N, C-alpha and C. Protein backbone atom coordinates (compact mmCIF):
# COMPACT_ATOMS: atom_id res chain seq x y z
N MET A 1 1.01 -1.55 -0.01
CA MET A 1 0.10 -0.14 -0.14
C MET A 1 1.00 1.12 -0.01
N LEU A 2 0.25 2.31 -0.75
CA LEU A 2 0.77 3.46 -0.40
C LEU A 2 0.67 4.23 0.52
N PRO A 3 1.67 4.89 1.52
CA PRO A 3 1.62 5.51 3.01
C PRO A 3 0.97 6.81 2.18
N CYS A 4 0.49 7.38 3.44
CA CYS A 4 -0.05 8.73 3.29
C CYS A 4 0.61 9.88 3.41
N ILE A 5 1.19 10.61 2.22
CA ILE A 5 2.14 11.57 2.54
C ILE A 5 2.05 12.79 3.61
N ASN A 6 0.51 12.92 3.70
CA ASN A 6 0.24 13.43 4.82
C ASN A 6 0.08 13.81 6.09
N LYS A 7 -0.20 12.09 6.56
CA LYS A 7 0.63 11.69 7.77
C LYS A 7 1.43 11.38 8.41
N GLN A 8 2.48 11.18 6.89
CA GLN A 8 4.08 10.95 7.14
C GLN A 8 4.51 12.60 7.76
N ILE A 9 4.13 13.55 7.15
CA ILE A 9 4.72 14.78 7.04
C ILE A 9 4.13 15.83 8.36
N LEU A 10 2.71 15.46 8.17
CA LEU A 10 2.11 16.47 9.43
C LEU A 10 1.69 15.68 10.65
N GLY A 11 1.59 14.06 10.44
CA GLY A 11 0.81 13.18 11.45
C GLY A 11 -0.05 13.35 11.86
N VAL A 12 -1.13 14.10 10.76
CA VAL A 12 -2.70 13.60 10.86
C VAL A 12 -3.06 12.78 9.69
N GLU A 13 -4.03 12.34 9.53
CA GLU A 13 -4.81 11.59 8.49
C GLU A 13 -5.77 12.25 7.57
N CYS A 14 -5.29 12.33 6.36
CA CYS A 14 -6.23 13.24 5.32
C CYS A 14 -7.86 12.33 5.60
N PRO A 15 -8.65 13.11 4.85
CA PRO A 15 -9.59 12.86 4.26
C PRO A 15 -9.96 11.20 3.82
N GLY A 16 -9.02 11.17 2.79
CA GLY A 16 -8.70 9.98 2.07
C GLY A 16 -7.93 8.86 2.50
N CYS A 17 -7.84 8.97 3.89
CA CYS A 17 -6.87 8.10 4.75
C CYS A 17 -8.07 6.81 4.88
N GLY A 18 -7.64 5.39 4.29
CA GLY A 18 -8.86 4.18 4.37
C GLY A 18 -9.22 3.90 2.80
N MET A 19 -8.95 4.74 2.23
CA MET A 19 -9.62 4.19 0.80
C MET A 19 -8.98 3.36 -0.14
N GLN A 20 -7.66 3.29 -0.01
CA GLN A 20 -6.90 2.64 -0.34
C GLN A 20 -7.16 0.86 -0.11
N ARG A 21 -7.09 0.93 1.19
CA ARG A 21 -7.13 -0.46 2.00
C ARG A 21 -8.65 -0.76 1.71
N ALA A 22 -9.98 0.00 1.67
CA ALA A 22 -11.08 -0.43 1.48
C ALA A 22 -11.29 -0.79 0.25
N VAL A 23 -10.36 -0.11 -0.89
CA VAL A 23 -10.73 -1.25 -2.23
C VAL A 23 -10.15 -2.12 -2.59
N ALA A 24 -8.96 -2.61 -1.60
CA ALA A 24 -8.56 -4.00 -1.34
C ALA A 24 -9.00 -4.56 -0.49
N LEU A 25 -10.06 -4.46 0.35
CA LEU A 25 -10.85 -5.50 0.77
C LEU A 25 -12.24 -5.74 -0.24
N LEU A 26 -12.69 -4.82 -0.76
CA LEU A 26 -13.86 -4.79 -1.53
C LEU A 26 -13.53 -5.67 -2.57
N PHE A 27 -11.97 -6.11 -3.12
CA PHE A 27 -11.81 -6.81 -4.09
C PHE A 27 -11.21 -8.42 -3.49
N GLU A 28 -11.07 -8.35 -2.08
CA GLU A 28 -11.26 -9.76 -1.37
C GLU A 28 -12.66 -9.99 -1.27
N GLY A 29 -13.71 -9.32 -1.55
CA GLY A 29 -14.79 -9.72 -0.76
C GLY A 29 -15.44 -9.73 0.50
N ASP A 30 -14.56 -8.68 1.18
CA ASP A 30 -14.91 -8.41 2.60
C ASP A 30 -15.42 -7.19 2.78
N PHE A 31 -17.30 -7.01 2.59
CA PHE A 31 -17.49 -5.93 1.96
C PHE A 31 -17.84 -4.90 3.28
N THR A 32 -18.32 -5.67 4.58
CA THR A 32 -17.95 -4.95 5.79
C THR A 32 -16.96 -4.00 6.21
N ALA A 33 -15.70 -5.07 6.26
CA ALA A 33 -14.73 -4.55 6.49
C ALA A 33 -14.39 -3.21 5.79
N ALA A 34 -14.87 -3.53 4.56
CA ALA A 34 -14.47 -2.63 3.31
C ALA A 34 -15.50 -0.64 4.09
N PHE A 35 -16.01 -1.23 4.40
CA PHE A 35 -17.20 -0.09 4.79
C PHE A 35 -16.45 0.58 6.07
N TYR A 36 -16.41 -0.14 6.90
CA TYR A 36 -15.78 0.30 8.40
C TYR A 36 -14.49 0.28 8.20
N MET A 37 -13.60 0.21 7.19
CA MET A 37 -12.32 0.54 6.99
C MET A 37 -12.47 2.09 6.17
N TYR A 38 -13.78 2.57 5.63
CA TYR A 38 -13.83 4.13 4.45
C TYR A 38 -15.24 4.21 4.07
N PRO A 39 -16.09 4.50 5.06
CA PRO A 39 -17.40 4.54 4.52
C PRO A 39 -17.73 5.24 3.57
N ALA A 40 -17.18 5.71 3.06
CA ALA A 40 -17.58 6.55 1.72
C ALA A 40 -17.38 5.78 0.32
N ILE A 41 -17.14 4.74 0.88
CA ILE A 41 -16.39 3.84 -0.42
C ILE A 41 -17.48 3.44 -1.12
N TYR A 42 -18.76 3.18 -0.81
CA TYR A 42 -20.10 2.73 -1.48
C TYR A 42 -20.81 3.87 -2.03
N PRO A 43 -20.98 4.88 -1.70
CA PRO A 43 -21.33 6.02 -2.16
C PRO A 43 -20.59 6.43 -3.36
N LEU A 44 -18.94 6.62 -3.08
CA LEU A 44 -18.39 7.19 -4.41
C LEU A 44 -18.05 5.87 -5.43
N ILE A 45 -18.18 4.53 -5.06
CA ILE A 45 -18.53 3.68 -6.23
C ILE A 45 -20.18 4.13 -7.23
N LEU A 46 -21.03 4.32 -6.06
CA LEU A 46 -22.10 4.74 -6.86
C LEU A 46 -21.93 6.00 -7.90
N PHE A 47 -21.24 6.74 -7.05
CA PHE A 47 -20.58 8.29 -7.69
C PHE A 47 -19.88 8.35 -9.47
N PHE A 48 -18.88 7.06 -9.32
CA PHE A 48 -18.23 6.79 -10.48
C PHE A 48 -18.96 6.04 -11.44
N ILE A 49 -19.76 5.23 -11.21
CA ILE A 49 -20.83 4.19 -12.13
C ILE A 49 -21.96 5.32 -12.40
N SER A 50 -22.25 6.57 -11.98
CA SER A 50 -23.03 7.12 -12.80
C SER A 50 -22.88 8.22 -13.63
N LEU A 51 -21.16 8.47 -13.54
CA LEU A 51 -20.63 9.12 -13.95
C LEU A 51 -19.95 8.55 -15.24
N LEU A 52 -20.17 7.49 -15.06
CA LEU A 52 -19.19 6.54 -16.37
C LEU A 52 -21.02 6.40 -17.13
N ALA A 53 -21.94 5.96 -16.70
CA ALA A 53 -23.32 5.83 -17.40
C ALA A 53 -23.82 6.81 -17.95
N ASP A 54 -23.29 8.30 -17.42
CA ASP A 54 -23.90 9.61 -18.22
C ASP A 54 -22.73 9.50 -19.26
N HIS A 55 -21.55 9.14 -19.21
CA HIS A 55 -20.67 9.29 -20.13
C HIS A 55 -20.91 8.48 -21.35
N LEU A 56 -21.51 7.17 -21.04
CA LEU A 56 -21.51 6.34 -22.27
C LEU A 56 -23.41 6.48 -22.55
N TRP A 57 -24.09 6.81 -22.06
CA TRP A 57 -25.43 7.38 -22.80
C TRP A 57 -25.69 8.61 -22.30
N LYS A 58 -25.61 9.24 -23.64
CA LYS A 58 -25.74 10.63 -23.68
C LYS A 58 -27.10 11.10 -23.48
N LYS A 59 -28.29 10.22 -24.27
CA LYS A 59 -29.28 10.39 -23.99
C LYS A 59 -30.21 10.66 -22.33
N LYS A 60 -29.69 9.99 -22.20
CA LYS A 60 -30.37 10.04 -20.53
C LYS A 60 -29.42 11.04 -19.76
N ASN A 61 -30.16 11.61 -18.80
CA ASN A 61 -29.88 12.39 -17.88
C ASN A 61 -29.13 11.85 -16.59
N PHE A 62 -28.05 11.58 -16.30
CA PHE A 62 -27.26 11.26 -15.11
C PHE A 62 -26.49 12.42 -13.91
N SER A 63 -26.90 13.78 -14.64
CA SER A 63 -26.39 14.92 -13.87
C SER A 63 -26.76 14.96 -12.63
N GLY A 64 -28.20 14.73 -12.76
CA GLY A 64 -28.93 15.33 -11.44
C GLY A 64 -28.43 13.86 -10.35
N THR A 65 -28.49 12.65 -10.85
CA THR A 65 -27.79 11.69 -10.00
C THR A 65 -26.75 12.01 -9.74
N SER A 66 -25.81 12.14 -10.60
CA SER A 66 -24.28 12.67 -9.97
C SER A 66 -24.03 13.61 -9.03
N SER A 67 -25.01 14.38 -8.93
CA SER A 67 -24.85 15.71 -8.27
C SER A 67 -24.97 15.00 -6.91
N VAL A 68 -26.07 14.31 -6.82
CA VAL A 68 -26.78 13.82 -5.75
C VAL A 68 -25.62 13.19 -4.91
N LEU A 69 -25.45 12.07 -5.66
CA LEU A 69 -23.96 10.99 -5.11
C LEU A 69 -22.96 11.89 -4.87
N ALA A 70 -22.44 12.86 -5.33
CA ALA A 70 -21.48 13.28 -5.03
C ALA A 70 -21.59 14.47 -3.72
N ALA A 71 -22.39 14.83 -3.39
CA ALA A 71 -23.15 15.37 -2.45
C ALA A 71 -22.78 14.65 -1.48
N ILE A 72 -23.23 13.33 -1.64
CA ILE A 72 -23.75 12.72 -0.08
C ILE A 72 -22.28 11.85 0.03
N SER A 73 -21.43 11.64 -1.23
CA SER A 73 -20.06 11.55 -0.65
C SER A 73 -19.34 12.55 0.15
N VAL A 74 -19.53 13.42 -0.38
CA VAL A 74 -18.76 15.26 0.49
C VAL A 74 -19.06 15.06 2.10
N VAL A 75 -20.33 14.58 2.11
CA VAL A 75 -20.71 14.49 3.37
C VAL A 75 -20.02 13.33 4.28
N VAL A 76 -20.24 12.12 3.58
CA VAL A 76 -19.64 11.11 4.25
C VAL A 76 -18.23 11.22 4.53
N ILE A 77 -17.25 11.69 3.74
CA ILE A 77 -16.09 12.01 3.49
C ILE A 77 -15.79 12.69 5.20
N LEU A 78 -16.58 13.85 4.77
CA LEU A 78 -16.43 14.92 5.90
C LEU A 78 -16.67 13.99 7.10
N GLY A 79 -17.89 13.60 7.46
CA GLY A 79 -18.37 13.55 8.20
C GLY A 79 -17.36 12.13 9.51
N ASN A 80 -16.46 11.33 8.27
CA ASN A 80 -15.74 10.45 8.76
C ASN A 80 -14.75 10.85 9.33
N TYR A 81 -13.97 11.88 8.55
CA TYR A 81 -12.70 12.92 8.75
C TYR A 81 -12.96 13.51 10.39
N ILE A 82 -14.39 13.89 10.52
CA ILE A 82 -14.50 14.21 11.89
C ILE A 82 -14.91 13.77 12.57
N MET A 83 -15.29 12.71 12.39
CA MET A 83 -15.45 11.28 13.67
C MET A 83 -13.69 10.58 14.15
N LYS A 84 -12.95 10.88 13.14
CA LYS A 84 -11.89 10.83 13.47
C LYS A 84 -11.26 11.43 14.56
N PHE A 85 -11.38 12.66 14.71
CA PHE A 85 -10.59 13.38 15.68
C PHE A 85 -11.58 13.41 17.02
N ILE A 86 -12.93 13.12 17.34
CA ILE A 86 -13.25 12.91 18.18
C ILE A 86 -13.38 11.50 18.80
């Protein structure tokens, strides 16, 4: 795994810390552990699927769905980041 440069230099985890391990856990099939490692993994996956669908099917409008999923992802990422300090 790649080390977090932010954590190495500043000693504080970044909002993305855990994402790489969560993706590795997904590939291993451990979906619950992936969620506990990085709770925003599933909204981010849905967001990227929505972006891909919007790119592939131009006639369908996925921009509203992408916007909602992006907002949910940001809220979950920031909420998780704040919870790490509490």
